[in-house]
Amino acid sequence: MKTMLPSVVAIALLPPRSHQWRSVASVAASRSGTLQCAEEARIAEAASPVVARPSITGAEYSRGLATVSFVTLLFASNSPVLRSAFTSVEHVPPPLLVNAVASGTALSGLIVGAPLLRGVPAPASIEASATSELNRESLRAGAELGLVKCVGTSFNLYGLSLTSADHGAFLIQLTTLLVPVAQAVQGVPIPPRIWAAVGTALVGLAIFTADPSDAAASLSGDASCVAAALCYALYDLRLFVWGKRVTPLRLIQNKVAAQAALAVTAVPLLAYADARQFVESVTPSDLVALAPLVLWSGIVVNGVAPFLQVGGQQAVGPARAQVVYASGPLWAALLSLAVLGETIGPQGLLGGAAFLAAVLLAAGTPAPDPACEEEVCEV
């Protein structure tokens, strides 16, 4: 007791929760060995920051599901829009040039619209320490996502220049299988209902792809779309990781900046002759027809949609989001029918119905457990 008294008096005279108070308390506890466990725990708690584990409420999960559904519609519009860019003009632009112009347009839109986008609330699952600054972590996140998205978009554009819009959209939706499988390999538990939805979506994909009425498909175009699906699956997985560490607007601005820089650099390196020939031969009527298509693909599909995707996918989870994304080819087919006149047969309609069933199955899956104490819970 005599050895404890000076330490206790010293602690009492210091300002509560001060640095000196914690230091003296720690020394007193280590020397005496007789302080009560509760007091030790209280001092340790005061000396170390408390990190709250983010959780997703049912309301935010519903909002996230609605956001992912809306983003799916925006992404679905990209295939018929880009396909139109390759079929509605006399002088066809090279895919890499379209990618560069669309990426640059997306970056401009994000910079101009930043004040408006800052008003969108951040998802609850974002870490409290998530950065909104232009620092090493956010630059690394943007560079990684921008590289993957740039490569995927290049494959996508090349595929759409060779195959029909609805056929390409369905092949790209192989991400529906790739994302849950990749997460399962990493040890993330996937609910059985999500696996059932994935299986149903893939059956619909196979039925639709084998539709004999789609005469515009090509083997090289299909292979390019499959390569794009691999890139997009990796992008969605990494977006879920970086979306917790970097705020949405900063993340997407850095990502689009990296994507635009890579896309612009690729033109003189890989498509200089084609780009020069297009610039020399393009007519004003071609530019008038291409301008709204590139603006839509750039600002809406590559700018606004990825920004909304960050928050929506954080709330829903990447595997659940993939099943909702699986309805994208169905909407792309409907838009292609309305805009391009592309038709689908009875077999394609059956595949589309299977996709809708998969989406409904995923939508009825309960939200992830907000009380889960694991580092990675069910998605």
Protein backbone atom coordinates (compact mmCIF):
# COMPACT_ATOMS: atom_id res chain seq x y z
CA MET A 1 0.00 0.00 0.00
CA LYS A 2 2.85 2.39 0.80
CA THR A 3 4.37 1.89 -2.63
CA MET A 4 1.05 2.54 -4.31
CA LEU A 5 0.16 5.76 -2.47
CA PRO A 6 2.62 8.17 -4.16
CA SER A 7 1.59 6.94 -7.59
CA VAL A 8 -2.11 7.25 -6.86
CA VAL A 9 -1.64 10.79 -5.48
CA ALA A 10 0.40 11.76 -8.55
CA ILE A 11 -2.29 10.47 -10.87
CA ALA A 12 -4.99 12.36 -8.99
CA LEU A 13 -3.12 15.67 -9.30
CA LEU A 14 -2.63 15.40 -13.07
CA PRO A 15 -5.30 16.59 -15.56
CA PRO A 16 -7.63 13.71 -16.46
CA ARG A 17 -6.94 11.93 -19.78
CA SER A 18 -3.71 13.93 -20.26
CA HIS A 19 -0.59 12.34 -21.72
CA GLN A 20 1.17 12.57 -18.35
CA TRP A 21 -1.84 11.04 -16.61
CA ARG A 22 -1.71 7.99 -18.86
CA SER A 23 2.07 7.66 -18.51
CA VAL A 24 2.05 7.83 -14.69
CA ALA A 25 -0.89 5.48 -14.50
CA SER A 26 0.87 3.00 -16.71
CA VAL A 27 4.05 3.16 -14.63
CA ALA A 28 2.10 2.82 -11.39
CA ALA A 29 0.29 -0.22 -12.69
CA SER A 30 3.46 -1.90 -13.86
CA ARG A 31 5.35 -1.25 -10.62
CA SER A 32 2.73 -2.09 -8.07
CA GLY A 33 1.09 -5.02 -9.79
CA THR A 34 -1.84 -4.60 -7.39
CA LEU A 35 -4.12 -2.21 -9.30
CA GLN A 36 -7.43 -3.70 -10.15
CA CYS A 37 -8.02 -5.09 -13.65
CA ALA A 38 -10.92 -2.75 -14.26
CA GLU A 39 -8.74 0.30 -13.63
CA GLU A 40 -6.04 -1.05 -15.93
CA ALA A 41 -8.57 -1.62 -18.68
CA ARG A 42 -9.98 1.89 -18.23
CA ILE A 43 -6.52 3.45 -18.51
CA ALA A 44 -5.63 1.34 -21.55
CA GLU A 45 -8.88 2.30 -23.25
CA ALA A 46 -8.21 5.99 -22.63
CA ALA A 47 -4.67 5.72 -23.94
CA SER A 48 -5.59 4.05 -27.24
CA PRO A 49 -8.00 5.22 -29.95
CA VAL A 50 -11.27 3.39 -30.31
CA VAL A 51 -12.01 2.26 -33.85
CA ALA A 52 -15.68 1.68 -34.48
CA ARG A 53 -16.52 -1.18 -36.79
CA PRO A 54 -18.75 0.09 -39.58
CA SER A 55 -22.04 -1.69 -40.10
CA ILE A 56 -24.74 -1.71 -42.74
CA THR A 57 -28.33 -1.11 -41.66
CA GLY A 58 -31.31 -2.59 -43.44
CA ALA A 59 -32.27 0.82 -44.82
CA GLU A 60 -28.79 1.43 -46.23
CA TYR A 61 -28.74 -2.06 -47.72
CA SER A 62 -32.02 -1.26 -49.52
CA ARG A 63 -30.63 2.04 -50.76
CA GLY A 64 -27.48 0.28 -51.89
CA LEU A 65 -29.53 -2.29 -53.79
CA ALA A 66 -31.49 0.49 -55.50
CA THR A 67 -28.25 2.31 -56.35
CA VAL A 68 -26.67 -0.83 -57.81
CA SER A 69 -29.81 -1.40 -59.88
CA PHE A 70 -29.67 2.16 -61.23
CA VAL A 71 -25.95 1.83 -61.97
CA THR A 72 -26.73 -1.40 -63.83
CA LEU A 73 -29.08 0.49 -66.14
CA LEU A 74 -26.39 3.09 -66.82
CA PHE A 75 -23.78 0.44 -67.54
CA ALA A 76 -26.27 -1.44 -69.73
CA SER A 77 -26.68 1.61 -71.94
CA ASN A 78 -22.98 1.57 -72.77
CA SER A 79 -23.06 -1.44 -75.12
CA PRO A 80 -25.72 -0.11 -77.53
CA VAL A 81 -24.25 3.40 -77.33
CA LEU A 82 -20.75 2.23 -78.24
CA ARG A 83 -22.03 -0.23 -80.82
CA SER A 84 -23.88 2.67 -82.42
CA ALA A 85 -20.60 4.60 -82.57
CA PHE A 86 -19.15 1.81 -84.71
CA THR A 87 -22.17 1.28 -86.98
CA SER A 88 -23.90 4.65 -87.44
CA VAL A 89 -21.06 6.62 -89.05
CA GLU A 90 -19.32 6.39 -92.38
CA HIS A 91 -15.82 6.61 -90.94
CA VAL A 92 -15.47 4.29 -87.95
CA PRO A 93 -13.21 5.50 -85.10
CA PRO A 94 -10.60 3.06 -83.74
CA PRO A 95 -11.60 1.57 -80.34
CA LEU A 96 -8.53 2.92 -78.53
CA LEU A 97 -9.30 6.46 -79.72
CA VAL A 98 -12.88 6.14 -78.47
CA ASN A 99 -11.55 4.93 -75.12
CA ALA A 100 -9.17 7.90 -74.85
CA VAL A 101 -11.81 10.51 -75.69
CA ALA A 102 -14.44 8.92 -73.42
CA SER A 103 -11.99 8.68 -70.51
CA GLY A 104 -10.92 12.30 -70.91
CA THR A 105 -14.56 13.37 -71.04
CA ALA A 106 -15.27 11.40 -67.85
CA LEU A 107 -12.42 13.12 -66.03
CA SER A 108 -13.63 16.56 -67.12
CA GLY A 109 -17.14 15.74 -65.94
CA LEU A 110 -15.93 14.60 -62.53
CA ILE A 111 -13.87 17.75 -62.05
CA VAL A 112 -16.69 20.09 -63.07
CA GLY A 113 -19.35 18.16 -61.14
CA ALA A 114 -17.27 17.65 -57.99
CA PRO A 115 -19.23 20.21 -55.87
CA LEU A 116 -22.49 18.41 -56.66
CA LEU A 117 -21.07 14.93 -56.09
CA ARG A 118 -19.67 15.92 -52.69
CA GLY A 119 -23.25 16.22 -51.47
CA VAL A 120 -23.84 12.49 -51.91
CA PRO A 121 -23.58 10.83 -48.45
CA ALA A 122 -20.70 8.41 -47.94
CA PRO A 123 -21.53 4.75 -47.22
CA ALA A 124 -21.55 3.70 -43.56
CA SER A 125 -19.13 0.84 -44.30
CA ILE A 126 -16.33 3.23 -45.20
CA GLU A 127 -13.52 3.26 -42.64
CA ALA A 128 -13.30 6.24 -40.30
CA SER A 129 -9.70 6.72 -41.40
CA ALA A 130 -10.58 6.71 -45.12
CA THR A 131 -8.63 9.40 -46.92
CA SER A 132 -10.07 12.11 -49.12
CA GLU A 133 -6.66 13.66 -49.81
CA LEU A 134 -4.41 13.32 -52.83
CA ASN A 135 -1.81 11.16 -51.08
CA ARG A 136 0.15 7.99 -51.77
CA GLU A 137 -2.67 5.64 -50.78
CA SER A 138 -5.34 7.33 -52.89
CA LEU A 139 -2.95 7.61 -55.85
CA ARG A 140 -2.12 3.92 -55.58
CA ALA A 141 -5.82 3.05 -55.46
CA GLY A 142 -6.58 5.19 -58.49
CA ALA A 143 -3.64 3.84 -60.48
CA GLU A 144 -4.58 0.22 -59.79
CA LEU A 145 -8.26 0.64 -60.60
CA GLY A 146 -7.54 2.88 -63.58
CA LEU A 147 -5.16 0.35 -65.12
CA VAL A 148 -7.60 -2.53 -64.77
CA LYS A 149 -10.54 -0.50 -66.06
CA CYS A 150 -8.56 0.89 -69.00
CA VAL A 151 -7.53 -2.58 -70.16
CA GLY A 152 -11.04 -3.94 -69.64
CA THR A 153 -12.65 -1.06 -71.53
CA SER A 154 -10.23 -1.50 -74.42
CA PHE A 155 -11.17 -5.18 -74.72
CA ASN A 156 -14.84 -4.23 -74.40
CA LEU A 157 -14.65 -1.64 -77.18
CA TYR A 158 -12.77 -3.97 -79.49
CA GLY A 159 -15.32 -6.72 -78.88
CA LEU A 160 -18.28 -4.41 -79.50
CA SER A 161 -16.73 -3.32 -82.79
CA LEU A 162 -16.96 -6.94 -83.97
CA THR A 163 -20.08 -8.41 -82.34
CA SER A 164 -23.63 -7.32 -81.54
CA ALA A 165 -24.35 -5.12 -78.53
CA ASP A 166 -26.59 -7.60 -76.71
CA HIS A 167 -24.26 -10.54 -77.40
CA GLY A 168 -21.24 -8.64 -76.11
CA ALA A 169 -23.12 -7.43 -73.05
CA PHE A 170 -24.07 -10.96 -72.04
CA LEU A 171 -20.53 -12.28 -72.45
CA ILE A 172 -19.11 -9.44 -70.39
CA GLN A 173 -21.52 -10.43 -67.64
CA LEU A 174 -19.37 -13.49 -66.91
CA THR A 175 -18.31 -11.35 -63.96
CA THR A 176 -21.46 -12.74 -62.31
CA LEU A 177 -19.60 -16.02 -61.83
CA LEU A 178 -16.02 -14.76 -61.54
CA VAL A 179 -16.51 -12.40 -58.57
CA PRO A 180 -18.22 -14.85 -56.15
CA VAL A 181 -15.80 -17.63 -57.13
CA ALA A 182 -12.81 -15.36 -56.48
CA GLN A 183 -14.22 -14.34 -53.10
CA ALA A 184 -14.93 -17.95 -52.16
CA VAL A 185 -11.32 -18.86 -53.01
CA GLN A 186 -10.21 -16.07 -50.65
CA GLY A 187 -12.27 -17.62 -47.85
CA VAL A 188 -15.20 -15.20 -47.90
CA PRO A 189 -18.43 -17.07 -47.07
CA ILE A 190 -21.04 -16.76 -49.84
CA PRO A 191 -24.70 -17.39 -48.83
CA PRO A 192 -26.27 -20.42 -50.57
CA ARG A 193 -29.02 -18.21 -51.97
CA ILE A 194 -26.41 -16.08 -53.75
CA TRP A 195 -24.83 -19.20 -55.24
CA ALA A 196 -28.27 -20.26 -56.47
CA ALA A 197 -28.75 -16.83 -58.03
CA VAL A 198 -25.32 -17.02 -59.68
CA GLY A 199 -26.13 -20.44 -61.13
CA THR A 200 -29.47 -19.23 -62.45
CA ALA A 201 -27.85 -16.19 -64.01
CA LEU A 202 -25.23 -18.32 -65.74
CA VAL A 203 -27.88 -20.64 -67.15
CA GLY A 204 -29.58 -17.60 -68.58
CA LEU A 205 -26.24 -16.45 -69.99
CA ALA A 206 -25.64 -19.78 -71.73
CA ILE A 207 -29.14 -19.89 -73.21
CA PHE A 208 -28.96 -16.34 -74.49
CA THR A 209 -25.44 -16.70 -75.93
CA ALA A 210 -26.48 -19.79 -77.90
CA ASP A 211 -29.42 -17.96 -79.49
CA PRO A 212 -29.13 -18.83 -83.23
CA SER A 213 -30.92 -15.62 -84.26
CA ASP A 214 -27.84 -13.54 -83.34
CA ALA A 215 -25.95 -13.54 -86.64
CA ALA A 216 -23.71 -10.57 -85.84
CA ALA A 217 -21.53 -12.45 -83.34
CA SER A 218 -17.88 -13.27 -84.07
CA LEU A 219 -15.33 -15.48 -82.34
CA SER A 220 -12.70 -12.76 -81.95
CA GLY A 221 -15.30 -10.32 -80.66
CA ASP A 222 -16.56 -12.89 -78.17
CA ALA A 223 -13.03 -13.62 -76.94
CA SER A 224 -12.39 -9.92 -76.43
CA CYS A 225 -15.60 -9.58 -74.41
CA VAL A 226 -14.57 -12.52 -72.20
CA ALA A 227 -11.21 -10.82 -71.59
CA ALA A 228 -13.10 -7.66 -70.63
CA ALA A 229 -15.18 -9.71 -68.18
CA LEU A 230 -12.01 -10.91 -66.45
CA CYS A 231 -10.79 -7.33 -66.07
CA TYR A 232 -14.16 -6.08 -64.81
CA ALA A 233 -14.37 -8.87 -62.24
CA LEU A 234 -10.95 -7.91 -60.88
CA TYR A 235 -12.02 -4.26 -60.88
CA ASP A 236 -15.16 -4.97 -58.84
CA LEU A 237 -13.20 -6.96 -56.26
CA ARG A 238 -10.52 -4.31 -55.86
CA LEU A 239 -13.13 -1.53 -55.83
CA PHE A 240 -14.72 -3.15 -52.78
CA VAL A 241 -11.34 -3.12 -51.00
CA TRP A 242 -10.28 0.41 -51.92
CA GLY A 243 -13.80 1.75 -51.40
CA LYS A 244 -13.32 1.30 -47.65
CA ARG A 245 -10.00 3.16 -47.53
CA VAL A 246 -10.58 6.09 -49.90
CA THR A 247 -13.66 8.31 -50.08
CA PRO A 248 -15.80 7.75 -53.22
CA LEU A 249 -15.16 11.02 -55.05
CA ARG A 250 -11.40 10.99 -54.46
CA LEU A 251 -11.21 7.32 -55.46
CA ILE A 252 -13.11 7.74 -58.72
CA GLN A 253 -11.35 10.98 -59.66
CA ASN A 254 -7.96 9.30 -59.24
CA LYS A 255 -9.16 6.18 -61.04
CA VAL A 256 -10.53 8.08 -64.03
CA ALA A 257 -7.41 10.28 -64.18
CA ALA A 258 -5.20 7.19 -64.36
CA GLN A 259 -7.54 5.56 -66.87
CA ALA A 260 -7.52 8.66 -69.08
CA ALA A 261 -3.73 8.99 -68.94
CA LEU A 262 -3.26 5.35 -69.94
CA ALA A 263 -5.90 5.52 -72.68
CA VAL A 264 -4.41 8.66 -74.22
CA THR A 265 -0.90 7.19 -74.07
CA ALA A 266 -2.07 3.99 -75.78
CA VAL A 267 -3.30 5.80 -78.90
CA PRO A 268 0.11 6.91 -80.31
CA LEU A 269 1.74 3.69 -79.15
CA LEU A 270 -0.80 1.15 -80.40
CA ALA A 271 -3.23 2.86 -82.77
CA TYR A 272 -1.39 5.80 -84.31
CA ALA A 273 -2.00 4.84 -87.94
CA ASP A 274 -5.70 4.10 -87.43
CA ALA A 275 -6.24 7.26 -85.37
CA ARG A 276 -4.47 9.43 -87.96
CA GLN A 277 -6.48 7.93 -90.79
CA PHE A 278 -9.72 8.57 -88.91
CA VAL A 279 -8.81 12.19 -88.10
CA GLU A 280 -7.92 12.86 -91.74
CA SER A 281 -11.09 11.31 -93.16
CA VAL A 282 -13.79 12.08 -90.57
CA THR A 283 -16.60 14.36 -91.70
CA PRO A 284 -18.59 16.95 -89.72
CA SER A 285 -21.67 14.72 -89.90
CA ASP A 286 -19.65 11.89 -88.35
CA LEU A 287 -18.56 14.15 -85.50
CA VAL A 288 -22.14 15.31 -84.90
CA ALA A 289 -23.27 11.69 -84.68
CA LEU A 290 -20.39 10.62 -82.45
CA ALA A 291 -20.36 13.56 -80.01
CA PRO A 292 -23.48 12.67 -77.95
CA LEU A 293 -22.47 9.01 -77.85
CA VAL A 294 -18.99 9.79 -76.53
CA LEU A 295 -20.35 12.33 -74.04
CA TRP A 296 -22.83 9.79 -72.66
CA SER A 297 -20.24 7.03 -72.45
CA GLY A 298 -17.70 9.37 -70.87
CA ILE A 299 -19.63 11.48 -68.37
CA VAL A 300 -22.50 9.15 -67.42
CA VAL A 301 -21.13 5.63 -67.87
CA ASN A 302 -17.47 6.22 -66.96
CA GLY A 303 -17.93 9.14 -64.56
CA VAL A 304 -21.22 9.24 -62.66
CA ALA A 305 -21.94 5.49 -62.67
CA PRO A 306 -18.59 4.41 -61.13
CA PHE A 307 -18.96 7.10 -58.46
CA LEU A 308 -22.39 5.79 -57.46
CA GLN A 309 -21.09 2.23 -57.72
CA VAL A 310 -18.63 2.77 -54.85
CA GLY A 311 -21.31 3.47 -52.25
CA GLY A 312 -23.87 1.02 -53.61
CA GLN A 313 -21.44 -1.89 -53.78
CA GLN A 314 -20.10 -1.15 -50.29
CA ALA A 315 -23.63 -1.56 -48.91
CA VAL A 316 -24.61 -4.60 -50.96
CA GLY A 317 -21.30 -6.46 -51.29
CA PRO A 318 -19.53 -7.46 -54.51
CA ALA A 319 -21.05 -10.94 -54.86
CA ARG A 320 -24.62 -9.73 -54.31
CA ALA A 321 -24.01 -6.77 -56.62
CA GLN A 322 -22.85 -9.09 -59.40
CA VAL A 323 -26.21 -10.81 -59.50
CA VAL A 324 -27.95 -7.45 -59.91
CA TYR A 325 -25.40 -6.51 -62.56
CA ALA A 326 -26.41 -9.71 -64.33
CA SER A 327 -29.62 -8.02 -65.46
CA GLY A 328 -27.52 -5.55 -67.46
CA PRO A 329 -27.44 -7.64 -70.66
CA LEU A 330 -31.22 -7.89 -70.60
CA TRP A 331 -31.55 -4.10 -70.47
CA ALA A 332 -28.81 -3.79 -73.10
CA ALA A 333 -30.77 -6.14 -75.36
CA LEU A 334 -33.93 -4.06 -74.95
CA LEU A 335 -32.02 -0.85 -75.67
CA SER A 336 -30.34 -2.48 -78.67
CA LEU A 337 -33.74 -3.49 -79.98
CA ALA A 338 -35.07 0.05 -79.60
CA VAL A 339 -32.00 1.95 -80.82
CA LEU A 340 -30.18 -0.40 -83.20
CA GLY A 341 -32.97 -2.72 -84.30
CA GLU A 342 -31.14 -5.80 -82.99
CA THR A 343 -33.59 -8.60 -82.28
CA ILE A 344 -33.54 -11.65 -80.04
CA GLY A 345 -35.36 -14.91 -80.58
CA PRO A 346 -37.41 -17.11 -78.23
CA GLN A 347 -34.23 -18.69 -76.86
CA GLY A 348 -32.87 -15.25 -76.01
CA LEU A 349 -36.11 -14.34 -74.26
CA LEU A 350 -35.86 -17.52 -72.18
CA GLY A 351 -32.32 -16.60 -71.14
CA GLY A 352 -33.48 -13.12 -70.21
CA ALA A 353 -36.23 -14.56 -68.02
CA ALA A 354 -33.63 -16.65 -66.18
CA PHE A 355 -31.62 -13.50 -65.49
CA LEU A 356 -34.65 -11.75 -64.05
CA ALA A 357 -35.28 -14.74 -61.77
CA ALA A 358 -31.67 -14.54 -60.56
CA VAL A 359 -32.01 -10.84 -59.78
CA LEU A 360 -35.19 -11.41 -57.78
CA LEU A 361 -33.49 -14.23 -55.88
CA ALA A 362 -30.56 -11.99 -54.97
CA ALA A 363 -32.80 -9.08 -54.04
CA GLY A 364 -34.63 -11.26 -51.52
CA THR A 365 -31.42 -12.29 -49.73
CA PRO A 366 -31.16 -10.69 -46.25
CA ALA A 367 -28.58 -7.98 -45.72
CA PRO A 368 -25.15 -8.95 -44.31
CA ASP A 369 -25.11 -9.25 -40.52
CA PRO A 370 -24.12 -5.81 -39.15
CA ALA A 371 -23.11 -7.41 -35.83
CA CYS A 372 -20.54 -9.66 -37.47
CA GLU A 373 -17.22 -9.26 -35.66
CA GLU A 374 -15.07 -10.89 -38.33
CA GLU A 375 -12.77 -8.85 -40.55
CA VAL A 376 -14.56 -10.14 -43.66
CA CYS A 377 -18.15 -11.23 -43.14
CA GLU A 378 -20.65 -12.68 -45.55
CA VAL A 379 -20.93 -10.53 -48.67
